[in-house]
Structure formats: C-alpha cells, structure tokens
Amino acid sequence: AIHESDLVLGGLEALLEIERDAATLDTLISLIELSNDDAVRVVN
C-alpha cells in the first residue's frame, strides 16, 4: 500500500489514510488489472 500527499507513506500507515480517503464521495477508485509479472516487479 502506498499513499501520497505531502508525504509518501507505506504499509499500515498508508492503509489508514487510504481508508479515510476512500470513504469520501469526492474520491475516485479505479480497479486496474496488471499481468502477474508486472505486479511482481512492483512488489520488488
């Protein structure tokens, strides 16, 4: 999980901010499909 505003947060800290943002109606949430190879590269 990655969250960016004035700081870049990762992991649990990012998830807490993401949950707050996702609950508001002015947020857009996109589901984006990647190949497994691309997803593994991102994790690495």
PDB file of all heavy atoms in Angstrom:
ATOM      1  N   ALA A   1       0.853  -1.182   0.000  1.00  0.00           N
ATOM      2  CA  ALA A   1       0.000   0.000   0.000  1.00  0.00           C
ATOM      3  C   ALA A   1       0.890   1.234   0.000  1.00  0.00           C
ATOM      4  O   ALA A   1       1.879   1.293   0.742  1.00  0.00           O
ATOM      5  CB  ALA A   1      -0.904   0.003   1.231  1.00  0.00           C
ATOM      6  N   ILE A   2       0.531   2.195  -0.839  1.00  0.00           N
ATOM      7  CA  ILE A   2       1.285   3.447  -0.952  1.00  0.00           C
ATOM      8  C   ILE A   2       0.274   4.594  -0.901  1.00  0.00           C
ATOM      9  O   ILE A   2      -0.742   4.564  -1.601  1.00  0.00           O
ATOM     10  CB  ILE A   2       2.053   3.522  -2.284  1.00  0.00           C
ATOM     11  CG1 ILE A   2       2.986   2.327  -2.447  1.00  0.00           C
ATOM     12  CG2 ILE A   2       2.815   4.844  -2.393  1.00  0.00           C
ATOM     13  CD1 ILE A   2       3.544   2.175  -3.848  1.00  0.00           C
ATOM     14  N   HIS A   3       0.555   5.583  -0.083  1.00  0.00           N
ATOM     15  CA  HIS A   3      -0.297   6.776  -0.013  1.00  0.00           C
ATOM     16  C   HIS A   3       0.597   8.002  -0.159  1.00  0.00           C
ATOM     17  O   HIS A   3       1.626   8.113   0.502  1.00  0.00           O
ATOM     18  CB  HIS A   3      -1.035   6.844   1.326  1.00  0.00           C
ATOM     19  CG  HIS A   3      -1.887   8.062   1.448  1.00  0.00           C
ATOM     20  ND1 HIS A   3      -1.404   9.265   1.916  1.00  0.00           N
ATOM     21  CD2 HIS A   3      -3.175   8.280   1.137  1.00  0.00           C
ATOM     22  CE1 HIS A   3      -2.363  10.157   1.901  1.00  0.00           C
ATOM     23  NE2 HIS A   3      -3.453   9.587   1.434  1.00  0.00           N
ATOM     24  N   GLU A   4       0.181   8.928  -1.047  1.00  0.00           N
ATOM     25  CA  GLU A   4       0.955  10.148  -1.270  1.00  0.00           C
ATOM     26  C   GLU A   4       0.085  11.375  -1.130  1.00  0.00           C
ATOM     27  O   GLU A   4      -1.009  11.439  -1.675  1.00  0.00           O
ATOM     28  CB  GLU A   4       1.542  10.149  -2.679  1.00  0.00           C
ATOM     29  CG  GLU A   4       2.528   9.045  -2.922  1.00  0.00           C
ATOM     30  CD  GLU A   4       3.060   9.111  -4.324  1.00  0.00           C
ATOM     31  OE1 GLU A   4       3.891   9.993  -4.585  1.00  0.00           O
ATOM     32  OE2 GLU A   4       2.615   8.294  -5.144  1.00  0.00           O
ATOM     33  N   SER A   5       0.567  12.325  -0.381  1.00  0.00           N
ATOM     34  CA  SER A   5       0.021  13.689  -0.359  1.00  0.00           C
ATOM     35  C   SER A   5       1.235  14.572  -0.137  1.00  0.00           C
ATOM     36  O   SER A   5       2.084  14.647  -1.015  1.00  0.00           O
ATOM     37  CB  SER A   5      -1.073  13.863   0.683  1.00  0.00           C
ATOM     38  OG  SER A   5      -0.598  13.550   1.974  1.00  0.00           O
ATOM     39  N   ASP A   6       1.374  15.179   1.023  1.00  0.00           N
ATOM     40  CA  ASP A   6       2.596  15.939   1.276  1.00  0.00           C
ATOM     41  C   ASP A   6       3.743  15.013   1.673  1.00  0.00           C
ATOM     42  O   ASP A   6       4.898  15.383   1.582  1.00  0.00           O
ATOM     43  CB  ASP A   6       2.375  17.035   2.323  1.00  0.00           C
ATOM     44  CG  ASP A   6       1.575  16.561   3.521  1.00  0.00           C
ATOM     45  OD1 ASP A   6       0.941  15.509   3.432  1.00  0.00           O
ATOM     46  OD2 ASP A   6       1.583  17.259   4.539  1.00  0.00           O
ATOM     47  N   LEU A   7       3.427  13.784   2.105  1.00  0.00           N
ATOM     48  CA  LEU A   7       4.417  12.750   2.423  1.00  0.00           C
ATOM     49  C   LEU A   7       4.061  11.476   1.681  1.00  0.00           C
ATOM     50  O   LEU A   7       2.908  11.266   1.316  1.00  0.00           O
ATOM     51  CB  LEU A   7       4.409  12.435   3.930  1.00  0.00           C
ATOM     52  CG  LEU A   7       4.791  13.532   4.901  1.00  0.00           C
ATOM     53  CD1 LEU A   7       4.518  13.052   6.323  1.00  0.00           C
ATOM     54  CD2 LEU A   7       6.256  13.892   4.739  1.00  0.00           C
ATOM     55  N   VAL A   8       5.043  10.595   1.507  1.00  0.00           N
ATOM     56  CA  VAL A   8       4.777   9.269   0.959  1.00  0.00           C
ATOM     57  C   VAL A   8       4.783   8.289   2.125  1.00  0.00           C
ATOM     58  O   VAL A   8       5.762   8.203   2.867  1.00  0.00           O
ATOM     59  CB  VAL A   8       5.847   8.866  -0.091  1.00  0.00           C
ATOM     60  CG1 VAL A   8       5.587   7.458  -0.588  1.00  0.00           C
ATOM     61  CG2 VAL A   8       5.866   9.848  -1.240  1.00  0.00           C
ATOM     62  N   LEU A   9       3.670   7.579   2.284  1.00  0.00           N
ATOM     63  CA  LEU A   9       3.542   6.596   3.348  1.00  0.00           C
ATOM     64  C   LEU A   9       3.379   5.219   2.737  1.00  0.00           C
ATOM     65  O   LEU A   9       2.849   5.070   1.634  1.00  0.00           O
ATOM     66  CB  LEU A   9       2.318   6.900   4.222  1.00  0.00           C
ATOM     67  CG  LEU A   9       2.263   8.265   4.902  1.00  0.00           C
ATOM     68  CD1 LEU A   9       0.916   8.448   5.586  1.00  0.00           C
ATOM     69  CD2 LEU A   9       3.394   8.401   5.906  1.00  0.00           C
ATOM     70  N   GLY A  10       3.793   4.211   3.463  1.00  0.00           N
ATOM     71  CA  GLY A  10       3.624   2.838   3.004  1.00  0.00           C
ATOM     72  C   GLY A  10       3.090   1.952   4.103  1.00  0.00           C
ATOM     73  O   GLY A  10       3.061   2.333   5.274  1.00  0.00           O
ATOM     74  N   GLY A  11       2.654   0.753   3.720  1.00  0.00           N
ATOM     75  CA  GLY A  11       2.205  -0.235   4.678  1.00  0.00           C
ATOM     76  C   GLY A  11       0.960   0.173   5.441  1.00  0.00           C
ATOM     77  O   GLY A  11       0.022   0.746   4.890  1.00  0.00           O
ATOM     78  N   LEU A  12       0.948  -0.127   6.745  1.00  0.00           N
ATOM     79  CA  LEU A  12      -0.215   0.130   7.593  1.00  0.00           C
ATOM     80  C   LEU A  12      -0.570   1.611   7.676  1.00  0.00           C
ATOM     81  O   LEU A  12      -1.754   1.977   7.620  1.00  0.00           O
ATOM     82  CB  LEU A  12       0.024  -0.430   8.998  1.00  0.00           C
ATOM     83  CG  LEU A  12      -1.139  -0.314   9.970  1.00  0.00           C
ATOM     84  CD1 LEU A  12      -2.382  -0.991   9.418  1.00  0.00           C
ATOM     85  CD2 LEU A  12      -0.765  -0.889  11.316  1.00  0.00           C
ATOM     86  N   GLU A  13       0.441   2.480   7.770  1.00  0.00           N
ATOM     87  CA  GLU A  13       0.172   3.925   7.807  1.00  0.00           C
ATOM     88  C   GLU A  13      -0.566   4.363   6.542  1.00  0.00           C
ATOM     89  O   GLU A  13      -1.487   5.167   6.594  1.00  0.00           O
ATOM     90  CB  GLU A  13       1.465   4.718   7.949  1.00  0.00           C
ATOM     91  CG  GLU A  13       2.133   4.594   9.294  1.00  0.00           C
ATOM     92  CD  GLU A  13       3.454   5.355   9.323  1.00  0.00           C
ATOM     93  OE1 GLU A  13       4.218   5.289   8.323  1.00  0.00           O
ATOM     94  OE2 GLU A  13       3.697   6.017  10.331  1.00  0.00           O
ATOM     95  N   ALA A  14      -0.146   3.825   5.405  1.00  0.00           N
ATOM     96  CA  ALA A  14      -0.801   4.159   4.139  1.00  0.00           C
ATOM     97  C   ALA A  14      -2.242   3.664   4.135  1.00  0.00           C
ATOM     98  O   ALA A  14      -3.151   4.377   3.706  1.00  0.00           O
ATOM     99  CB  ALA A  14      -0.030   3.558   2.975  1.00  0.00           C
ATOM    100  N   LEU A  15      -2.469   2.440   4.619  1.00  0.00           N
ATOM    101  CA  LEU A  15      -3.820   1.885   4.623  1.00  0.00           C
ATOM    102  C   LEU A  15      -4.795   2.723   5.439  1.00  0.00           C
ATOM    103  O   LEU A  15      -5.949   2.902   5.057  1.00  0.00           O
ATOM    104  CB  LEU A  15      -3.806   0.448   5.147  1.00  0.00           C
ATOM    105  CG  LEU A  15      -3.326  -0.606   4.169  1.00  0.00           C
ATOM    106  CD1 LEU A  15      -3.225  -1.959   4.855  1.00  0.00           C
ATOM    107  CD2 LEU A  15      -4.219  -0.687   2.955  1.00  0.00           C
ATOM    108  N   LEU A  16      -4.333   3.255   6.552  1.00  0.00           N
ATOM    109  CA  LEU A  16      -5.201   4.100   7.378  1.00  0.00           C
ATOM    110  C   LEU A  16      -5.634   5.351   6.622  1.00  0.00           C
ATOM    111  O   LEU A  16      -6.802   5.737   6.654  1.00  0.00           O
ATOM    112  CB  LEU A  16      -4.492   4.467   8.680  1.00  0.00           C
ATOM    113  CG  LEU A  16      -4.220   3.295   9.628  1.00  0.00           C
ATOM    114  CD1 LEU A  16      -3.343   3.743  10.793  1.00  0.00           C
ATOM    115  CD2 LEU A  16      -5.509   2.676  10.114  1.00  0.00           C
ATOM    116  N   GLU A  17      -4.693   5.985   5.920  1.00  0.00           N
ATOM    117  CA  GLU A  17      -5.024   7.172   5.119  1.00  0.00           C
ATOM    118  C   GLU A  17      -5.917   6.813   3.927  1.00  0.00           C
ATOM    119  O   GLU A  17      -6.840   7.545   3.578  1.00  0.00           O
ATOM    120  CB  GLU A  17      -3.747   7.857   4.630  1.00  0.00           C
ATOM    121  CG  GLU A  17      -2.911   8.463   5.729  1.00  0.00           C
ATOM    122  CD  GLU A  17      -3.614   9.598   6.455  1.00  0.00           C
ATOM    123  OE1 GLU A  17      -4.320  10.400   5.794  1.00  0.00           O
ATOM    124  OE2 GLU A  17      -3.468   9.676   7.685  1.00  0.00           O
ATOM    125  N   ILE A  18      -5.630   5.668   3.318  1.00  0.00           N
ATOM    126  CA  ILE A  18      -6.416   5.219   2.165  1.00  0.00           C
ATOM    127  C   ILE A  18      -7.872   4.989   2.567  1.00  0.00           C
ATOM    128  O   ILE A  18      -8.796   5.395   1.859  1.00  0.00           O
ATOM    129  CB  ILE A  18      -5.801   3.936   1.557  1.00  0.00           C
ATOM    130  CG1 ILE A  18      -4.455   4.258   0.901  1.00  0.00           C
ATOM    131  CG2 ILE A  18      -6.755   3.295   0.561  1.00  0.00           C
ATOM    132  CD1 ILE A  18      -3.625   3.041   0.550  1.00  0.00           C
ATOM    133  N   GLU A  19      -8.082   4.348   3.705  1.00  0.00           N
ATOM    134  CA  GLU A  19      -9.451   4.102   4.168  1.00  0.00           C
ATOM    135  C   GLU A  19     -10.208   5.408   4.386  1.00  0.00           C
ATOM    136  O   GLU A  19     -11.378   5.522   4.037  1.00  0.00           O
ATOM    137  CB  GLU A  19      -9.442   3.278   5.452  1.00  0.00           C
ATOM    138  CG  GLU A  19      -9.127   1.827   5.211  1.00  0.00           C
ATOM    139  CD  GLU A  19      -9.124   1.002   6.494  1.00  0.00           C
ATOM    140  OE1 GLU A  19      -9.121   1.590   7.606  1.00  0.00           O
ATOM    141  OE2 GLU A  19      -9.120  -0.224   6.372  1.00  0.00           O
ATOM    142  N   ARG A  20      -9.531   6.400   4.960  1.00  0.00           N
ATOM    143  CA  ARG A  20     -10.174   7.708   5.165  1.00  0.00           C
ATOM    144  C   ARG A  20     -10.568   8.343   3.833  1.00  0.00           C
ATOM    145  O   ARG A  20     -11.663   8.859   3.673  1.00  0.00           O
ATOM    146  CB  ARG A  20      -9.243   8.649   5.929  1.00  0.00           C
ATOM    147  CG  ARG A  20      -9.264   8.427   7.397  1.00  0.00           C
ATOM    148  CD  ARG A  20      -8.508   9.531   8.130  1.00  0.00           C
ATOM    149  NE  ARG A  20      -7.914   8.928   9.294  1.00  0.00           N
ATOM    150  CZ  ARG A  20      -6.616   8.744   9.500  1.00  0.00           C
ATOM    151  NH1 ARG A  20      -5.742   9.185   8.624  1.00  0.00           N
ATOM    152  NH2 ARG A  20      -6.178   8.165  10.587  1.00  0.00           N
ATOM    153  N   ASP A  21      -9.627   8.326   2.890  1.00  0.00           N
ATOM    154  CA  ASP A  21      -9.901   8.932   1.581  1.00  0.00           C
ATOM    155  C   ASP A  21     -11.019   8.195   0.845  1.00  0.00           C
ATOM    156  O   ASP A  21     -11.899   8.823   0.249  1.00  0.00           O
ATOM    157  CB  ASP A  21      -8.648   8.933   0.713  1.00  0.00           C
ATOM    158  CG  ASP A  21      -7.623   9.960   1.141  1.00  0.00           C
ATOM    159  OD1 ASP A  21      -7.984  10.883   1.902  1.00  0.00           O
ATOM    160  OD2 ASP A  21      -6.462   9.836   0.723  1.00  0.00           O
ATOM    161  N   ALA A  22     -10.969   6.869   0.857  1.00  0.00           N
ATOM    162  CA  ALA A  22     -11.926   6.071   0.089  1.00  0.00           C
ATOM    163  C   ALA A  22     -13.357   6.233   0.589  1.00  0.00           C
ATOM    164  O   ALA A  22     -14.307   6.004  -0.159  1.00  0.00           O
ATOM    165  CB  ALA A  22     -11.527   4.601   0.122  1.00  0.00           C
ATOM    166  N   ALA A  23     -13.530   6.642   1.818  1.00  0.00           N
ATOM    167  CA  ALA A  23     -14.865   6.790   2.386  1.00  0.00           C
ATOM    168  C   ALA A  23     -15.576   8.060   1.924  1.00  0.00           C
ATOM    169  O   ALA A  23     -16.783   8.180   2.095  1.00  0.00           O
ATOM    170  CB  ALA A  23     -14.787   6.770   3.906  1.00  0.00           C
ATOM    171  N   THR A  24     -14.853   8.989   1.324  1.00  0.00           N
ATOM    172  CA  THR A  24     -15.475  10.249   0.916  1.00  0.00           C
ATOM    173  C   THR A  24     -16.006  10.153  -0.517  1.00  0.00           C
ATOM    174  O   THR A  24     -15.439   9.458  -1.364  1.00  0.00           O
ATOM    175  CB  THR A  24     -14.488  11.430   1.017  1.00  0.00           C
ATOM    176  OG1 THR A  24     -13.429  11.220   0.098  1.00  0.00           O
ATOM    177  CG2 THR A  24     -13.932  11.564   2.427  1.00  0.00           C
ATOM    178  N   LEU A  25     -17.091  10.856  -0.773  1.00  0.00           N
ATOM    179  CA  LEU A  25     -17.747  10.785  -2.074  1.00  0.00           C
ATOM    180  C   LEU A  25     -16.981  11.479  -3.190  1.00  0.00           C
ATOM    181  O   LEU A  25     -17.220  11.211  -4.364  1.00  0.00           O
ATOM    182  CB  LEU A  25     -19.156  11.364  -1.981  1.00  0.00           C
ATOM    183  CG  LEU A  25     -20.114  10.585  -1.080  1.00  0.00           C
ATOM    184  CD1 LEU A  25     -21.455  11.305  -1.000  1.00  0.00           C
ATOM    185  CD2 LEU A  25     -20.282   9.157  -1.561  1.00  0.00           C
ATOM    186  N   ASP A  26     -16.038  12.363  -2.855  1.00  0.00           N
ATOM    187  CA  ASP A  26     -15.274  13.061  -3.897  1.00  0.00           C
ATOM    188  C   ASP A  26     -14.041  12.273  -4.345  1.00  0.00           C
ATOM    189  O   ASP A  26     -13.232  12.773  -5.111  1.00  0.00           O
ATOM    190  CB  ASP A  26     -14.886  14.468  -3.455  1.00  0.00           C
ATOM    191  CG  ASP A  26     -13.930  14.502  -2.271  1.00  0.00           C
ATOM    192  OD1 ASP A  26     -13.849  13.506  -1.536  1.00  0.00           O
ATOM    193  OD2 ASP A  26     -13.277  15.544  -2.080  1.00  0.00           O
ATOM    194  N   THR A  27     -13.918  11.042  -3.894  1.00  0.00           N
ATOM    195  CA  THR A  27     -12.790  10.177  -4.258  1.00  0.00           C
ATOM    196  C   THR A  27     -13.161   9.308  -5.454  1.00  0.00           C
ATOM    197  O   THR A  27     -14.295   8.851  -5.564  1.00  0.00           O
ATOM    198  CB  THR A  27     -12.415   9.273  -3.064  1.00  0.00           C
ATOM    199  OG1 THR A  27     -12.006  10.100  -1.977  1.00  0.00           O
ATOM    200  CG2 THR A  27     -11.298   8.315  -3.402  1.00  0.00           C
ATOM    201  N   LEU A  28     -12.193   9.081  -6.343  1.00  0.00           N
ATOM    202  CA  LEU A  28     -12.361   8.120  -7.434  1.00  0.00           C
ATOM    203  C   LEU A  28     -11.490   6.905  -7.143  1.00  0.00           C
ATOM    204  O   LEU A  28     -10.306   7.041  -6.835  1.00  0.00           O
ATOM    205  CB  LEU A  28     -11.968   8.727  -8.774  1.00  0.00           C
ATOM    206  CG  LEU A  28     -12.880   9.823  -9.301  1.00  0.00           C
ATOM    207  CD1 LEU A  28     -12.333  10.360 -10.622  1.00  0.00           C
ATOM    208  CD2 LEU A  28     -14.294   9.307  -9.492  1.00  0.00           C
ATOM    209  N   ILE A  29     -12.081   5.718  -7.256  1.00  0.00           N
ATOM    210  CA  ILE A  29     -11.360   4.470  -7.025  1.00  0.00           C
ATOM    211  C   ILE A  29     -11.374   3.680  -8.323  1.00  0.00           C
ATOM    212  O   ILE A  29     -12.442   3.374  -8.856  1.00  0.00           O
ATOM    213  CB  ILE A  29     -12.001   3.643  -5.896  1.00  0.00           C
ATOM    214  CG1 ILE A  29     -12.103   4.477  -4.623  1.00  0.00           C
ATOM    215  CG2 ILE A  29     -11.198   2.363  -5.650  1.00  0.00           C
ATOM    216  CD1 ILE A  29     -12.906   3.826  -3.518  1.00  0.00           C
ATOM    217  N   SER A  30     -10.192   3.371  -8.827  1.00  0.00           N
ATOM    218  CA  SER A  30     -10.063   2.640 -10.090  1.00  0.00           C
ATOM    219  C   SER A  30      -9.501   1.253  -9.824  1.00  0.00           C
ATOM    220  O   SER A  30      -8.555   1.099  -9.055  1.00  0.00           O
ATOM    221  CB  SER A  30      -9.109   3.373 -11.040  1.00  0.00           C
ATOM    222  OG  SER A  30      -9.528   4.695 -11.251  1.00  0.00           O
ATOM    223  N   LEU A  31     -10.085   0.255 -10.471  1.00  0.00           N
ATOM    224  CA  LEU A  31      -9.574  -1.109 -10.428  1.00  0.00           C
ATOM    225  C   LEU A  31      -8.762  -1.310 -11.697  1.00  0.00           C
ATOM    226  O   LEU A  31      -9.302  -1.195 -12.801  1.00  0.00           O
ATOM    227  CB  LEU A  31     -10.740  -2.091 -10.361  1.00  0.00           C
ATOM    228  CG  LEU A  31     -10.416  -3.559 -10.133  1.00  0.00           C
ATOM    229  CD1 LEU A  31     -11.649  -4.268  -9.589  1.00  0.00           C
ATOM    230  CD2 LEU A  31      -9.899  -4.256 -11.345  1.00  0.00           C
ATOM    231  N   ILE A  32      -7.469  -1.571 -11.550  1.00  0.00           N
ATOM    232  CA  ILE A  32      -6.561  -1.659 -12.689  1.00  0.00           C
ATOM    233  C   ILE A  32      -5.892  -3.034 -12.700  1.00  0.00           C
ATOM    234  O   ILE A  32      -5.257  -3.424 -11.726  1.00  0.00           O
ATOM    235  CB  ILE A  32      -5.500  -0.540 -12.628  1.00  0.00           C
ATOM    236  CG1 ILE A  32      -6.230   0.806 -12.651  1.00  0.00           C
ATOM    237  CG2 ILE A  32      -4.499  -0.679 -13.770  1.00  0.00           C
ATOM    238  CD1 ILE A  32      -5.419   1.968 -12.220  1.00  0.00           C
ATOM    239  N   GLU A  33      -6.073  -3.741 -13.786  1.00  0.00           N
ATOM    240  CA  GLU A  33      -5.516  -5.081 -13.920  1.00  0.00           C
ATOM    241  C   GLU A  33      -4.095  -5.012 -14.478  1.00  0.00           C
ATOM    242  O   GLU A  33      -3.814  -4.260 -15.412  1.00  0.00           O
ATOM    243  CB  GLU A  33      -6.389  -5.928 -14.840  1.00  0.00           C
ATOM    244  CG  GLU A  33      -5.937  -7.367 -14.939  1.00  0.00           C
ATOM    245  CD  GLU A  33      -6.886  -8.221 -15.772  1.00  0.00           C
ATOM    246  OE1 GLU A  33      -7.693  -7.665 -16.543  1.00  0.00           O
ATOM    247  OE2 GLU A  33      -6.801  -9.450 -15.644  1.00  0.00           O
ATOM    248  N   LEU A  34      -3.202  -5.800 -13.870  1.00  0.00           N
ATOM    249  CA  LEU A  34      -1.821  -5.944 -14.336  1.00  0.00           C
ATOM    250  C   LEU A  34      -1.535  -7.410 -14.581  1.00  0.00           C
ATOM    251  O   LEU A  34      -2.165  -8.281 -13.972  1.00  0.00           O
ATOM    252  CB  LEU A  34      -0.829  -5.454 -13.273  1.00  0.00           C
ATOM    253  CG  LEU A  34      -0.771  -3.993 -12.913  1.00  0.00           C
ATOM    254  CD1 LEU A  34       0.247  -3.780 -11.796  1.00  0.00           C
ATOM    255  CD2 LEU A  34      -0.407  -3.147 -14.117  1.00  0.00           C
ATOM    256  N   SER A  35      -0.547  -7.677 -15.409  1.00  0.00           N
ATOM    257  CA  SER A  35      -0.079  -9.053 -15.533  1.00  0.00           C
ATOM    258  C   SER A  35       0.611  -9.427 -14.221  1.00  0.00           C
ATOM    259  O   SER A  35       1.059  -8.559 -13.469  1.00  0.00           O
ATOM    260  CB  SER A  35       0.904  -9.187 -16.695  1.00  0.00           C
ATOM    261  OG  SER A  35       2.113  -8.511 -16.390  1.00  0.00           O
ATOM    262  N   ASN A  36       0.683 -10.713 -13.935  1.00  0.00           N
ATOM    263  CA  ASN A  36       1.381 -11.152 -12.714  1.00  0.00           C
ATOM    264  C   ASN A  36       2.831 -10.696 -12.725  1.00  0.00           C
ATOM    265  O   ASN A  36       3.370 -10.321 -11.678  1.00  0.00           O
ATOM    266  CB  ASN A  36       1.290 -12.662 -12.546  1.00  0.00           C
ATOM    267  CG  ASN A  36      -0.054 -13.098 -12.006  1.00  0.00           C
ATOM    268  OD1 ASN A  36      -0.869 -12.277 -11.593  1.00  0.00           O
ATOM    269  ND2 ASN A  36      -0.299 -14.394 -12.015  1.00  0.00           N
ATOM    270  N   ASP A  37       3.471 -10.717 -13.884  1.00  0.00           N
ATOM    271  CA  ASP A  37       4.876 -10.285 -13.969  1.00  0.00           C
ATOM    272  C   ASP A  37       5.032  -8.825 -13.575  1.00  0.00           C
ATOM    273  O   ASP A  37       5.939  -8.462 -12.826  1.00  0.00           O
ATOM    274  CB  ASP A  37       5.429 -10.498 -15.388  1.00  0.00           C
ATOM    275  CG  ASP A  37       5.615 -11.963 -15.734  1.00  0.00           C
ATOM    276  OD1 ASP A  37       5.671 -12.794 -14.806  1.00  0.00           O
ATOM    277  OD2 ASP A  37       5.701 -12.270 -16.934  1.00  0.00           O
ATOM    278  N   ASP A  38       4.134  -7.959 -14.073  1.00  0.00           N
ATOM    279  CA  ASP A  38       4.192  -6.542 -13.710  1.00  0.00           C
ATOM    280  C   ASP A  38       3.929  -6.344 -12.222  1.00  0.00           C
ATOM    281  O   ASP A  38       4.586  -5.534 -11.569  1.00  0.00           O
ATOM    282  CB  ASP A  38       3.187  -5.721 -14.523  1.00  0.00           C
ATOM    283  CG  ASP A  38       3.654  -5.449 -15.939  1.00  0.00           C
ATOM    284  OD1 ASP A  38       4.869  -5.586 -16.213  1.00  0.00           O
ATOM    285  OD2 ASP A  38       2.801  -5.094 -16.781  1.00  0.00           O
ATOM    286  N   ALA A  39       2.968  -7.076 -11.674  1.00  0.00           N
ATOM    287  CA  ALA A  39       2.653  -6.954 -10.251  1.00  0.00           C
ATOM    288  C   ALA A  39       3.840  -7.386  -9.387  1.00  0.00           C
ATOM    289  O   ALA A  39       4.172  -6.718  -8.402  1.00  0.00           O
ATOM    290  CB  ALA A  39       1.414  -7.770  -9.910  1.00  0.00           C
ATOM    291  N   VAL A  40       4.507  -8.451  -9.758  1.00  0.00           N
ATOM    292  CA  VAL A  40       5.692  -8.911  -9.011  1.00  0.00           C
ATOM    293  C   VAL A  40       6.801  -7.866  -9.093  1.00  0.00           C
ATOM    294  O   VAL A  40       7.472  -7.587  -8.093  1.00  0.00           O
ATOM    295  CB  VAL A  40       6.170 -10.284  -9.534  1.00  0.00           C
ATOM    296  CG1 VAL A  40       7.537 -10.640  -8.997  1.00  0.00           C
ATOM    297  CG2 VAL A  40       5.154 -11.369  -9.177  1.00  0.00           C
ATOM    298  N   ARG A  41       6.986  -7.262 -10.267  1.00  0.00           N
ATOM    299  CA  ARG A  41       8.003  -6.214 -10.409  1.00  0.00           C
ATOM    300  C   ARG A  41       7.727  -5.045  -9.472  1.00  0.00           C
ATOM    301  O   ARG A  41       8.635  -4.502  -8.852  1.00  0.00           O
ATOM    302  CB  ARG A  41       8.045  -5.704 -11.853  1.00  0.00           C
ATOM    303  CG  ARG A  41       9.102  -6.389 -12.668  1.00  0.00           C
ATOM    304  CD  ARG A  41       9.298  -5.730 -14.032  1.00  0.00           C
ATOM    305  NE  ARG A  41       9.145  -6.799 -14.989  1.00  0.00           N
ATOM    306  CZ  ARG A  41       8.143  -6.958 -15.836  1.00  0.00           C
ATOM    307  NH1 ARG A  41       7.177  -6.083 -15.904  1.00  0.00           N
ATOM    308  NH2 ARG A  41       8.087  -7.979 -16.630  1.00  0.00           N
ATOM    309  N   VAL A  42       6.467  -4.650  -9.357  1.00  0.00           N
ATOM    310  CA  VAL A  42       6.104  -3.539  -8.474  1.00  0.00           C
ATOM    311  C   VAL A  42       6.410  -3.898  -7.027  1.00  0.00           C
ATOM    312  O   VAL A  42       6.986  -3.095  -6.289  1.00  0.00           O
ATOM    313  CB  VAL A  42       4.611  -3.160  -8.638  1.00  0.00           C
ATOM    314  CG1 VAL A  42       4.185  -2.175  -7.567  1.00  0.00           C
ATOM    315  CG2 VAL A  42       4.363  -2.587 -10.024  1.00  0.00           C
ATOM    316  N   VAL A  43       6.048  -5.098  -6.606  1.00  0.00           N
ATOM    317  CA  VAL A  43       6.334  -5.541  -5.232  1.00  0.00           C
ATOM    318  C   VAL A  43       7.834  -5.497  -4.975  1.00  0.00           C
ATOM    319  O   VAL A  43       8.282  -5.047  -3.911  1.00  0.00           O
ATOM    320  CB  VAL A  43       5.770  -6.958  -4.977  1.00  0.00           C
ATOM    321  CG1 VAL A  43       6.270  -7.520  -3.654  1.00  0.00           C
ATOM    322  CG2 VAL A  43       4.249  -6.929  -5.004  1.00  0.00           C
ATOM    323  N   ASN A  44       8.628  -5.928  -5.950  1.00  0.00           N
ATOM    324  CA  ASN A  44      10.085  -5.919  -5.789  1.00  0.00           C
ATOM    325  C   ASN A  44      10.671  -4.508  -5.801  1.00  0.00           C
ATOM    326  O   ASN A  44      11.691  -4.253  -5.163  1.00  0.00           O
ATOM    327  CB  ASN A  44      10.751  -6.770  -6.864  1.00  0.00           C
ATOM    328  CG  ASN A  44      10.457  -8.259  -6.678  1.00  0.00           C
ATOM    329  OD1 ASN A  44      10.211  -8.695  -5.546  1.00  0.00           O
ATOM    330  ND2 ASN A  44      10.457  -8.990  -7.760  1.00  0.00           N
TER     331      ASN A  44
END
